[in-house]
Amino acid sequence: MTVLQKYVNILKCDTLFVISCHVKQMIMLRSLPQDPFILLSFINTKLRDNYKSLDQLCDDLEAGKNELIARLASVGYVYDPTQNKFI
């Protein structure tokens, strides 16, 4: 196997990993409550009881932070890191 072939194989592996991670995040986000107001309650409760930041929650739940923020922003809520909740 040439160096170029090895490099191409590494890129394929990295690309599949990135795609796999993105799909996994989408699946995890879909497994969260679909109703935005129930999602708001769920996320704020998790933040209050278990997590010091939205980043920690998203990492642990394997949820896409930007997608979560967008879903809650669609009903008028934004994350306030000083209060560690969506307001």
Foldseek 3Di string as FASTA:
>chain_A
DDPVVVVVVVVVVVVVVVVVLVVVQVVLQVVQDPPLVVSQVVQQVCQVPPHLAPVVVCVVSSHDSVVNQVSNVVVPWHADNVVRGTD
